């Protein structure tokens, strides 16, 4: 399947259907986007990944591995979330953090990159299915 990446200079890429990540319930605020492709710069250990919606070419999120930010999570998935992710004992499960760029023009005193620690993305890499997990009363540890 061919797909044009408008945020990356309208580059056309070939997407293997077996690499598509499904978000069965969408992402809050983007509930109509269910199919995504994860991209990264070529190299050994990419620091940032891009989660590109295949349902809406204008929707793309920046993601990072929490370990790269020195953040640790212990997530408990309820029964519905486990069913959504179709978890089996041998599945490879990963967590990702959404990043956003904040500029001074957006009404903040500081510009820079912000990480959404309160709503990580849980990905069943084996089954290529994911969800965003909003956390209530989260205990997040940051290693210095």
C-alpha atoms as a PDB file:
ATOM      1  CA  UNK A   1       0.000   0.000   0.000  1.00  0.00           C
ATOM      2  CA  UNK A   2       1.349   3.443  -0.914  1.00  0.00           C
ATOM      3  CA  UNK A   3       0.914   6.362   1.471  1.00  0.00           C
ATOM      4  CA  UNK A   4       1.948  10.031   1.258  1.00  0.00           C
ATOM      5  CA  UNK A   5       3.481  11.618   4.359  1.00  0.00           C
ATOM      6  CA  UNK A   6       2.405  15.289   4.202  1.00  0.00           C
ATOM      7  CA  UNK A   7       4.317  16.313   7.336  1.00  0.00           C
ATOM      8  CA  UNK A   8       7.540  14.903   5.935  1.00  0.00           C
ATOM      9  CA  UNK A   9       7.689  16.739   2.624  1.00  0.00           C
ATOM     10  CA  UNK A  10       4.892  14.786   0.930  1.00  0.00           C
ATOM     11  CA  UNK A  11       7.160  11.776   0.563  1.00  0.00           C
ATOM     12  CA  UNK A  12       5.385   8.700  -0.769  1.00  0.00           C
ATOM     13  CA  UNK A  13       6.242   5.462   1.039  1.00  0.00           C
ATOM     14  CA  UNK A  14       5.292   1.845   0.603  1.00  0.00           C
ATOM     15  CA  UNK A  15       3.631   0.420   3.723  1.00  0.00           C
ATOM     16  CA  UNK A  16       3.592  -3.284   4.422  1.00  0.00           C
ATOM     17  CA  UNK A  17       0.078  -4.084   5.745  1.00  0.00           C
ATOM     18  CA  UNK A  18       1.683  -6.456   8.287  1.00  0.00           C
ATOM     19  CA  UNK A  19       3.362  -3.458   9.997  1.00  0.00           C
ATOM     20  CA  UNK A  20       0.170  -1.464  10.625  1.00  0.00           C
ATOM     21  CA  UNK A  21      -0.698  -0.894  14.287  1.00  0.00           C
ATOM     22  CA  UNK A  22      -4.404  -0.902  15.071  1.00  0.00           C
ATOM     23  CA  UNK A  23      -5.935   1.299  17.780  1.00  0.00           C
ATOM     24  CA  UNK A  24      -9.394  -0.361  18.083  1.00  0.00           C
ATOM     25  CA  UNK A  25     -10.835   2.540  20.119  1.00  0.00           C
ATOM     26  CA  UNK A  26      -8.751   5.256  18.495  1.00  0.00           C
ATOM     27  CA  UNK A  27      -6.821   7.811  20.533  1.00  0.00           C
ATOM     28  CA  UNK A  28      -8.739  10.321  22.692  1.00  0.00           C
ATOM     29  CA  UNK A  29      -9.558  13.266  20.459  1.00  0.00           C
ATOM     30  CA  UNK A  30      -8.792  11.173  17.361  1.00  0.00           C
ATOM     31  CA  UNK A  31     -11.340   8.370  17.739  1.00  0.00           C
ATOM     32  CA  UNK A  32     -11.767   8.074  13.947  1.00  0.00           C
ATOM     33  CA  UNK A  33      -8.104   7.164  13.502  1.00  0.00           C
ATOM     34  CA  UNK A  34      -7.601   3.432  13.991  1.00  0.00           C
ATOM     35  CA  UNK A  35      -4.731   2.447  11.680  1.00  0.00           C
ATOM     36  CA  UNK A  36      -1.223   3.781  12.327  1.00  0.00           C
ATOM     37  CA  UNK A  37       2.301   3.183  11.116  1.00  0.00           C
ATOM     38  CA  UNK A  38       5.345   3.743  13.309  1.00  0.00           C
ATOM     39  CA  UNK A  39       8.314   5.453  11.620  1.00  0.00           C
ATOM     40  CA  UNK A  40      11.788   6.430  12.856  1.00  0.00           C
ATOM     41  CA  UNK A  41      15.035   7.794  11.478  1.00  0.00           C
ATOM     42  CA  UNK A  42      17.432   5.157  10.287  1.00  0.00           C
ATOM     43  CA  UNK A  43      20.076   4.305  12.845  1.00  0.00           C
ATOM     44  CA  UNK A  44      20.869   1.999  15.699  1.00  0.00           C
ATOM     45  CA  UNK A  45      18.837   3.476  18.562  1.00  0.00           C
ATOM     46  CA  UNK A  46      16.252   6.026  17.464  1.00  0.00           C
ATOM     47  CA  UNK A  47      15.205   8.420  20.248  1.00  0.00           C
ATOM     48  CA  UNK A  48      11.965   9.611  18.642  1.00  0.00           C
ATOM     49  CA  UNK A  49       9.372   7.680  16.684  1.00  0.00           C
ATOM     50  CA  UNK A  50       6.492   9.059  14.612  1.00  0.00           C
ATOM     51  CA  UNK A  51       3.078   7.445  14.851  1.00  0.00           C
ATOM     52  CA  UNK A  52       1.413   8.327  11.547  1.00  0.00           C
ATOM     53  CA  UNK A  53      -2.336   7.860  11.112  1.00  0.00           C
ATOM     54  CA  UNK A  54      -3.196   6.016   7.922  1.00  0.00           C
ATOM     55  CA  UNK A  55      -6.837   7.122   8.263  1.00  0.00           C
ATOM     56  CA  UNK A  56      -6.047  10.862   8.398  1.00  0.00           C
ATOM     57  CA  UNK A  57      -2.726  11.898   6.812  1.00  0.00           C
ATOM     58  CA  UNK A  58      -2.689  15.122   8.866  1.00  0.00           C
ATOM     59  CA  UNK A  59      -2.497  13.225  12.174  1.00  0.00           C
ATOM     60  CA  UNK A  60       0.962  12.266  13.381  1.00  0.00           C
ATOM     61  CA  UNK A  61       2.300  11.956  16.925  1.00  0.00           C
ATOM     62  CA  UNK A  62       5.869  11.955  18.225  1.00  0.00           C
ATOM     63  CA  UNK A  63       6.641   9.092  20.607  1.00  0.00           C
ATOM     64  CA  UNK A  64       9.564   8.114  22.805  1.00  0.00           C
ATOM     65  CA  UNK A  65      10.486   5.052  24.828  1.00  0.00           C
ATOM     66  CA  UNK A  66      10.084   5.968  28.537  1.00  0.00           C
ATOM     67  CA  UNK A  67      13.530   4.471  29.224  1.00  0.00           C
ATOM     68  CA  UNK A  68      15.096   7.115  26.966  1.00  0.00           C
ATOM     69  CA  UNK A  69      13.503   9.751  29.237  1.00  0.00           C
ATOM     70  CA  UNK A  70      14.577   7.854  32.368  1.00  0.00           C
ATOM     71  CA  UNK A  71      10.937   7.257  33.336  1.00  0.00           C
ATOM     72  CA  UNK A  72       9.623   3.998  34.779  1.00  0.00           C
ATOM     73  CA  UNK A  73       6.041   2.762  34.559  1.00  0.00           C
ATOM     74  CA  UNK A  74       4.160  -0.084  36.133  1.00  0.00           C
ATOM     75  CA  UNK A  75       0.822  -0.265  34.347  1.00  0.00           C
ATOM     76  CA  UNK A  76      -2.122  -2.370  35.360  1.00  0.00           C
ATOM     77  CA  UNK A  77      -4.458  -3.080  32.483  1.00  0.00           C
ATOM     78  CA  UNK A  78      -8.064  -3.853  33.320  1.00  0.00           C
ATOM     79  CA  UNK A  79      -9.874  -6.784  31.683  1.00  0.00           C
ATOM     80  CA  UNK A  80     -11.304  -4.623  28.869  1.00  0.00           C
ATOM     81  CA  UNK A  81      -7.861  -3.189  28.065  1.00  0.00           C
ATOM     82  CA  UNK A  82      -6.332  -6.666  28.058  1.00  0.00           C
ATOM     83  CA  UNK A  83      -9.044  -7.842  25.635  1.00  0.00           C
ATOM     84  CA  UNK A  84      -8.506  -4.767  23.445  1.00  0.00           C
ATOM     85  CA  UNK A  85      -4.780  -5.533  23.279  1.00  0.00           C
ATOM     86  CA  UNK A  86      -5.486  -9.275  22.739  1.00  0.00           C
ATOM     87  CA  UNK A  87      -2.745 -10.133  25.222  1.00  0.00           C
ATOM     88  CA  UNK A  88      -1.301 -13.647  25.333  1.00  0.00           C
ATOM     89  CA  UNK A  89       1.465 -14.808  27.705  1.00  0.00           C
ATOM     90  CA  UNK A  90       4.265 -14.681  25.101  1.00  0.00           C
ATOM     91  CA  UNK A  91       3.357 -11.305  23.559  1.00  0.00           C
ATOM     92  CA  UNK A  92       5.901  -8.477  23.398  1.00  0.00           C
ATOM     93  CA  UNK A  93       4.296  -5.489  25.172  1.00  0.00           C
ATOM     94  CA  UNK A  94       5.820  -2.001  25.063  1.00  0.00           C
ATOM     95  CA  UNK A  95       5.030   1.435  26.466  1.00  0.00           C
ATOM     96  CA  UNK A  96       5.573   4.715  24.622  1.00  0.00           C
ATOM     97  CA  UNK A  97       5.212   8.357  25.699  1.00  0.00           C
ATOM     98  CA  UNK A  98       3.661  11.035  23.464  1.00  0.00           C
ATOM     99  CA  UNK A  99       5.808  14.112  22.943  1.00  0.00           C
ATOM    100  CA  UNK A 100       4.758  17.580  21.840  1.00  0.00           C
ATOM    101  CA  UNK A 101       6.621  20.745  20.989  1.00  0.00           C
ATOM    102  CA  UNK A 102       5.594  23.814  22.976  1.00  0.00           C
ATOM    103  CA  UNK A 103       6.487  27.264  21.705  1.00  0.00           C
ATOM    104  CA  UNK A 104       6.430  30.581  23.514  1.00  0.00           C
ATOM    105  CA  UNK A 105       3.756  31.730  21.071  1.00  0.00           C
ATOM    106  CA  UNK A 106       1.386  29.142  22.570  1.00  0.00           C
ATOM    107  CA  UNK A 107       1.109  31.230  25.730  1.00  0.00           C
ATOM    108  CA  UNK A 108       3.738  29.551  27.860  1.00  0.00           C
ATOM    109  CA  UNK A 109       6.776  31.052  29.467  1.00  0.00           C
ATOM    110  CA  UNK A 110       9.015  28.288  28.162  1.00  0.00           C
ATOM    111  CA  UNK A 111       9.392  26.579  24.852  1.00  0.00           C
ATOM    112  CA  UNK A 112      10.618  23.044  24.389  1.00  0.00           C
ATOM    113  CA  UNK A 113       9.508  19.444  24.274  1.00  0.00           C
ATOM    114  CA  UNK A 114       6.808  18.185  26.633  1.00  0.00           C
ATOM    115  CA  UNK A 115       6.128  14.539  27.433  1.00  0.00           C
ATOM    116  CA  UNK A 116       2.605  13.357  28.269  1.00  0.00           C
ATOM    117  CA  UNK A 117       3.420  11.134  31.239  1.00  0.00           C
ATOM    118  CA  UNK A 118      -0.234  10.828  32.290  1.00  0.00           C
ATOM    119  CA  UNK A 119      -1.409   8.923  29.199  1.00  0.00           C
ATOM    120  CA  UNK A 120       1.174   6.454  27.852  1.00  0.00           C
ATOM    121  CA  UNK A 121       0.584   4.305  24.787  1.00  0.00           C
ATOM    122  CA  UNK A 122       0.471   0.540  25.442  1.00  0.00           C
ATOM    123  CA  UNK A 123       1.452  -1.504  22.379  1.00  0.00           C
ATOM    124  CA  UNK A 124       1.150  -5.231  21.852  1.00  0.00           C
ATOM    125  CA  UNK A 125       4.008  -5.446  19.353  1.00  0.00           C
ATOM    126  CA  UNK A 126       3.295  -9.102  18.624  1.00  0.00           C
ATOM    127  CA  UNK A 127      -0.309  -8.518  17.567  1.00  0.00           C
ATOM    128  CA  UNK A 128       0.177  -4.928  16.297  1.00  0.00           C
ATOM    129  CA  UNK A 129      -2.593  -3.494  18.458  1.00  0.00           C
ATOM    130  CA  UNK A 130      -2.408  -0.526  20.854  1.00  0.00           C
ATOM    131  CA  UNK A 131      -4.303   1.848  23.098  1.00  0.00           C
ATOM    132  CA  UNK A 132      -3.695   5.023  25.039  1.00  0.00           C
ATOM    133  CA  UNK A 133      -3.932   4.431  28.801  1.00  0.00           C
ATOM    134  CA  UNK A 134      -4.995   7.547  30.747  1.00  0.00           C
ATOM    135  CA  UNK A 135      -3.654   7.223  34.286  1.00  0.00           C
ATOM    136  CA  UNK A 136      -5.460   8.269  37.453  1.00  0.00           C
ATOM    137  CA  UNK A 137      -3.300   9.047  40.496  1.00  0.00           C
ATOM    138  CA  UNK A 138      -0.196   7.879  38.679  1.00  0.00           C
ATOM    139  CA  UNK A 139       2.999   7.184  40.543  1.00  0.00           C
ATOM    140  CA  UNK A 140       5.717   7.882  38.017  1.00  0.00           C
ATOM    141  CA  UNK A 141       9.351   7.471  38.932  1.00  0.00           C
ATOM    142  CA  UNK A 142      12.029   9.455  37.144  1.00  0.00           C
ATOM    143  CA  UNK A 143      15.657   8.345  37.364  1.00  0.00           C
ATOM    144  CA  UNK A 144      18.310  11.025  37.535  1.00  0.00           C
END
